[in-house]
C-alpha atoms as a PDB file:
ATOM      1  CA  UNK A   1       1.778  75.724 -38.166  1.00  0.00           C
ATOM      2  CA  UNK A   2       2.752  72.807 -40.387  1.00  0.00           C
ATOM      3  CA  UNK A   3       6.296  71.581 -39.708  1.00  0.00           C
ATOM      4  CA  UNK A   4       8.209  68.414 -40.577  1.00  0.00           C
ATOM      5  CA  UNK A   5      11.835  67.525 -39.833  1.00  0.00           C
ATOM      6  CA  UNK A   6      12.770  67.808 -43.523  1.00  0.00           C
ATOM      7  CA  UNK A   7       9.978  68.883 -45.929  1.00  0.00           C
ATOM      8  CA  UNK A   8       7.978  72.009 -45.128  1.00  0.00           C
ATOM      9  CA  UNK A   9       5.835  74.615 -46.850  1.00  0.00           C
ATOM     10  CA  UNK A  10       6.273  78.341 -47.387  1.00  0.00           C
ATOM     11  CA  UNK A  11       4.141  80.898 -49.176  1.00  0.00           C
ATOM     12  CA  UNK A  12       5.092  81.303 -52.824  1.00  0.00           C
ATOM     13  CA  UNK A  13       6.791  84.516 -53.922  1.00  0.00           C
ATOM     14  CA  UNK A  14       4.623  87.427 -54.940  1.00  0.00           C
ATOM     15  CA  UNK A  15       2.521  90.058 -53.280  1.00  0.00           C
ATOM     16  CA  UNK A  16      -0.405  88.309 -51.543  1.00  0.00           C
ATOM     17  CA  UNK A  17       0.170  85.068 -53.475  1.00  0.00           C
ATOM     18  CA  UNK A  18      -2.392  82.522 -52.188  1.00  0.00           C
ATOM     19  CA  UNK A  19      -0.235  79.541 -53.205  1.00  0.00           C
ATOM     20  CA  UNK A  20       2.508  77.670 -51.362  1.00  0.00           C
ATOM     21  CA  UNK A  21       5.565  75.646 -52.326  1.00  0.00           C
ATOM     22  CA  UNK A  22       7.172  72.642 -50.640  1.00  0.00           C
ATOM     23  CA  UNK A  23      10.766  73.141 -49.557  1.00  0.00           C
ATOM     24  CA  UNK A  24      13.469  70.659 -48.652  1.00  0.00           C
ATOM     25  CA  UNK A  25      14.615  72.345 -45.472  1.00  0.00           C
ATOM     26  CA  UNK A  26      13.325  74.373 -42.565  1.00  0.00           C
ATOM     27  CA  UNK A  27      11.657  77.759 -42.364  1.00  0.00           C
ATOM     28  CA  UNK A  28      12.148  80.693 -40.038  1.00  0.00           C
ATOM     29  CA  UNK A  29       9.598  81.767 -37.425  1.00  0.00           C
ATOM     30  CA  UNK A  30       8.483  84.488 -39.847  1.00  0.00           C
ATOM     31  CA  UNK A  31       7.556  81.843 -42.439  1.00  0.00           C
ATOM     32  CA  UNK A  32      10.439  82.298 -44.876  1.00  0.00           C
ATOM     33  CA  UNK A  33      12.705  79.496 -46.048  1.00  0.00           C
ATOM     34  CA  UNK A  34      15.938  79.251 -44.076  1.00  0.00           C
ATOM     35  CA  UNK A  35      19.238  79.693 -45.881  1.00  0.00           C
ATOM     36  CA  UNK A  36      20.005  76.580 -47.930  1.00  0.00           C
ATOM     37  CA  UNK A  37      16.405  75.332 -48.252  1.00  0.00           C
ATOM     38  CA  UNK A  38      15.436  74.311 -51.782  1.00  0.00           C
ATOM     39  CA  UNK A  39      12.029  74.567 -53.444  1.00  0.00           C
ATOM     40  CA  UNK A  40      10.920  71.093 -54.577  1.00  0.00           C
ATOM     41  CA  UNK A  41       7.398  71.744 -55.899  1.00  0.00           C
ATOM     42  CA  UNK A  42       5.373  74.044 -58.077  1.00  0.00           C
ATOM     43  CA  UNK A  43       3.051  76.656 -56.579  1.00  0.00           C
ATOM     44  CA  UNK A  44      -0.028  74.857 -55.256  1.00  0.00           C
ATOM     45  CA  UNK A  45      -2.839  75.540 -52.757  1.00  0.00           C
ATOM     46  CA  UNK A  46      -1.903  75.278 -49.056  1.00  0.00           C
ATOM     47  CA  UNK A  47      -3.846  72.086 -48.310  1.00  0.00           C
ATOM     48  CA  UNK A  48      -2.259  70.311 -51.288  1.00  0.00           C
ATOM     49  CA  UNK A  49       1.196  71.548 -50.239  1.00  0.00           C
ATOM     50  CA  UNK A  50       0.726  70.118 -46.735  1.00  0.00           C
ATOM     51  CA  UNK A  51      -0.294  66.733 -48.134  1.00  0.00           C
ATOM     52  CA  UNK A  52       2.655  66.714 -50.543  1.00  0.00           C
ATOM     53  CA  UNK A  53       5.136  67.696 -47.814  1.00  0.00           C
ATOM     54  CA  UNK A  54       3.792  65.008 -45.485  1.00  0.00           C
ATOM     55  CA  UNK A  55       3.976  62.358 -48.226  1.00  0.00           C
ATOM     56  CA  UNK A  56       7.537  63.355 -49.118  1.00  0.00           C
ATOM     57  CA  UNK A  57       8.481  63.261 -45.424  1.00  0.00           C
ATOM     58  CA  UNK A  58       7.000  59.767 -45.088  1.00  0.00           C
ATOM     59  CA  UNK A  59       9.271  58.516 -47.894  1.00  0.00           C
ATOM     60  CA  UNK A  60      12.460  59.617 -46.105  1.00  0.00           C
END
C-alpha cells in the first residue's frame, strides 16, 4: 500500500473506476479519504498517481 505522511492516493469515484486521485491528507484502512482530506489532482492511472504523490511529498 502506498502511503506518505501528507500526500496519498485513493481510487477515483465511480463504480469500478480504474483511475486514482492524489489527496492532501490520509486515507482510512478501507482505502477512502479521511475526513478533511482534499483532492489535489485529476483522475490518473495508479502508477502516475504514486509518482505525483511522491513528488509532491518531496517538495514539502
